[in-house]
Amino acid sequence: MIKKYTRQIPVVWGQIREAHELTQEALAEHDQEIKDAAGITVSELLENAMKYGTSVPGMTQVQLTLTVSPDEITVSVSNGVESVQSIAEVRTLIDAISADPDKKALYIARVRKLVDTSDSRTRLGLLRIAYECGFNLSCEHAGHIITVTACRTLGEPCG
């Protein structure tokens, strides 16, 4: 049986906790590792959408879609973006993460770079999703709306 949950989420930080709780409830029959990985993924994607997104015609809030099937979990978050440049930056990062088979090395390299710089944008969220949680990332866009999707086949360990 496939379960699908879609929520329009106001850009309010407290909403991330509620979405995390929805994820935990939706995955109640799964083991704790799966629930934790999906919860982190939902939280990271929503946090990115709230920090870097903007209200645009057709997307004034953030949209979360969580789909749970017997074989996989898919988390999609859509939000408005100001510029095509923002979309290109996200796509470039996701493509680099997806193309590199050693997610751990990417993660460690980014943490080391953070130690050496004063960059306030950590850019760890998508790496956490791929490395710590074992989700595959993709993105698509239509106009000024971007959707970032994280998909994990059930039965595969995180990390």
Protein backbone atom coordinates (compact mmCIF):
# COMPACT_ATOMS: atom_id res chain seq x y z
CA MET A 1 0.00 0.00 0.00
CA ILE A 2 1.30 3.46 -0.88
CA LYS A 3 0.72 6.28 1.61
CA LYS A 4 1.05 9.86 0.42
CA TYR A 5 1.00 12.96 2.59
CA THR A 6 1.04 16.47 1.15
CA ARG A 7 1.18 19.60 3.29
CA GLN A 8 1.36 23.31 2.52
CA ILE A 9 3.69 24.66 5.18
CA PRO A 10 3.90 28.32 6.18
CA VAL A 11 7.43 29.69 6.40
CA VAL A 12 7.53 29.44 10.19
CA TRP A 13 10.34 27.53 11.91
CA GLY A 14 7.99 25.71 14.28
CA GLN A 15 6.40 24.01 11.30
CA ILE A 16 9.55 21.93 10.78
CA ARG A 17 8.92 20.12 14.07
CA GLU A 18 5.32 19.38 13.06
CA ALA A 19 6.49 17.99 9.71
CA HIS A 20 9.07 15.87 11.51
CA GLU A 21 6.32 14.49 13.77
CA LEU A 22 4.14 13.73 10.72
CA THR A 23 7.06 11.80 9.24
CA GLN A 24 7.51 9.78 12.43
CA GLU A 25 3.79 8.92 12.49
CA ALA A 26 3.73 8.00 8.78
CA LEU A 27 6.64 5.62 9.34
CA ALA A 28 5.41 4.19 12.66
CA GLU A 29 5.68 0.60 11.41
CA HIS A 30 9.32 1.04 10.35
CA ASP A 31 12.38 0.68 12.52
CA GLN A 32 13.86 3.67 14.33
CA GLU A 33 16.80 4.06 11.93
CA ILE A 34 14.42 4.55 8.98
CA LYS A 35 12.26 6.99 10.96
CA ASP A 36 15.32 8.98 12.05
CA ALA A 37 16.77 9.12 8.52
CA ALA A 38 13.46 10.28 7.03
CA GLY A 39 12.96 12.79 9.86
CA ILE A 40 16.39 14.32 9.26
CA THR A 41 15.71 14.44 5.53
CA VAL A 42 12.36 16.22 5.97
CA SER A 43 13.90 18.67 8.45
CA GLU A 44 16.91 19.48 6.26
CA LEU A 45 14.86 19.99 3.09
CA LEU A 46 12.33 22.19 4.87
CA GLU A 47 15.06 24.21 6.56
CA ASN A 48 16.70 24.86 3.17
CA ALA A 49 13.36 25.85 1.63
CA MET A 50 12.66 28.27 4.47
CA LYS A 51 16.17 29.78 4.54
CA TYR A 52 16.73 30.16 0.81
CA GLY A 53 13.23 30.16 -0.66
CA THR A 54 10.87 33.03 -1.30
CA SER A 55 7.21 33.56 -2.01
CA VAL A 56 6.47 33.58 -5.74
CA PRO A 57 3.21 33.48 -7.70
CA GLY A 58 1.90 29.93 -7.47
CA MET A 59 4.07 29.07 -4.44
CA THR A 60 3.57 31.33 -1.45
CA GLN A 61 4.33 28.58 1.07
CA VAL A 62 6.54 25.51 1.10
CA GLN A 63 5.03 22.24 -0.05
CA LEU A 64 6.05 18.93 1.53
CA THR A 65 5.12 15.62 -0.05
CA LEU A 66 6.00 12.39 1.74
CA THR A 67 5.34 9.13 -0.07
CA VAL A 68 5.83 5.79 1.63
CA SER A 69 5.56 2.54 -0.32
CA PRO A 70 6.66 -0.94 0.68
CA ASP A 71 9.87 -0.42 -1.31
CA GLU A 72 10.84 3.22 -0.81
CA ILE A 73 10.40 6.52 0.94
CA THR A 74 10.28 9.71 -1.11
CA VAL A 75 10.40 13.22 0.34
CA SER A 76 9.79 16.17 -1.98
CA VAL A 77 9.91 19.81 -0.97
CA SER A 78 8.89 22.62 -3.32
CA ASN A 79 9.46 26.31 -2.80
CA GLY A 80 9.79 29.53 -4.72
CA VAL A 81 13.18 30.95 -5.66
CA GLU A 82 14.13 34.45 -6.70
CA SER A 83 16.49 33.64 -9.54
CA VAL A 84 17.44 31.01 -12.05
CA GLN A 85 20.96 31.33 -10.58
CA SER A 86 19.66 29.91 -7.28
CA ILE A 87 18.19 26.93 -9.12
CA ALA A 88 21.48 26.37 -10.96
CA GLU A 89 23.42 26.39 -7.68
CA VAL A 90 21.16 23.76 -6.13
CA ARG A 91 21.25 21.61 -9.26
CA THR A 92 25.06 21.81 -9.43
CA LEU A 93 25.39 20.76 -5.79
CA ILE A 94 22.92 17.88 -6.15
CA ASP A 95 24.60 16.71 -9.37
CA ALA A 96 28.02 16.72 -7.64
CA ILE A 97 26.66 14.75 -4.68
CA SER A 98 24.86 12.27 -6.93
CA ALA A 99 27.87 11.73 -9.18
CA ASP A 100 30.34 10.99 -6.38
CA PRO A 101 30.14 7.43 -5.03
CA ASP A 102 32.07 8.42 -1.87
CA LYS A 103 29.51 10.52 0.02
CA LYS A 104 31.57 10.24 3.20
CA ALA A 105 34.60 11.91 1.56
CA LEU A 106 32.40 14.76 0.27
CA TYR A 107 30.93 15.25 3.74
CA ILE A 108 34.31 15.25 5.47
CA ALA A 109 35.78 17.64 2.88
CA ARG A 110 32.92 20.08 3.46
CA VAL A 111 33.32 19.93 7.24
CA ARG A 112 37.06 20.57 6.88
CA LYS A 113 36.35 23.55 4.62
CA LEU A 114 33.95 24.96 7.21
CA VAL A 115 36.65 24.75 9.87
CA ASP A 116 39.01 26.74 7.63
CA THR A 117 36.56 29.46 6.54
CA SER A 118 33.99 31.79 8.02
CA ASP A 119 31.30 30.83 5.49
CA SER A 120 27.93 31.19 7.24
CA ARG A 121 26.22 28.92 4.69
CA THR A 122 27.28 25.47 5.83
CA ARG A 123 25.82 23.60 2.84
CA LEU A 124 25.81 20.44 4.91
CA GLY A 125 22.07 19.69 4.70
CA LEU A 126 22.06 17.97 1.33
CA LEU A 127 25.28 16.13 2.18
CA ARG A 128 23.71 14.90 5.43
CA ILE A 129 20.72 13.60 3.49
CA ALA A 130 22.94 11.68 1.07
CA TYR A 131 25.68 10.51 3.44
CA GLU A 132 24.08 10.14 6.86
CA CYS A 133 20.60 9.13 5.72
CA GLY A 134 21.23 7.20 2.51
CA PHE A 135 18.79 9.12 0.32
CA ASN A 136 19.40 9.81 -3.38
CA LEU A 137 18.79 13.42 -4.37
CA SER A 138 17.35 15.04 -7.46
CA CYS A 139 15.74 18.34 -8.35
CA GLU A 140 13.55 19.86 -10.99
CA HIS A 141 12.10 23.27 -11.57
CA ALA A 142 9.28 25.02 -13.36
CA GLY A 143 9.75 28.75 -13.66
CA HIS A 144 10.67 30.08 -10.23
CA ILE A 145 9.57 26.97 -8.33
CA ILE A 146 12.13 24.32 -7.40
CA THR A 147 11.39 20.84 -6.10
CA VAL A 148 14.12 18.89 -4.34
CA THR A 149 13.40 15.18 -3.98
CA ALA A 150 15.11 12.65 -1.75
CA CYS A 151 14.40 8.97 -2.31
CA ARG A 152 15.55 5.97 -0.31
CA THR A 153 15.04 2.35 -1.11
CA LEU A 154 13.98 0.53 2.02
CA GLY A 155 16.39 -2.05 3.33
CA GLU A 156 19.51 -0.02 2.49
CA PRO A 157 21.50 1.23 5.49
CA CYS A 158 22.30 4.89 6.00
CA GLY A 159 25.85 6.17 5.59
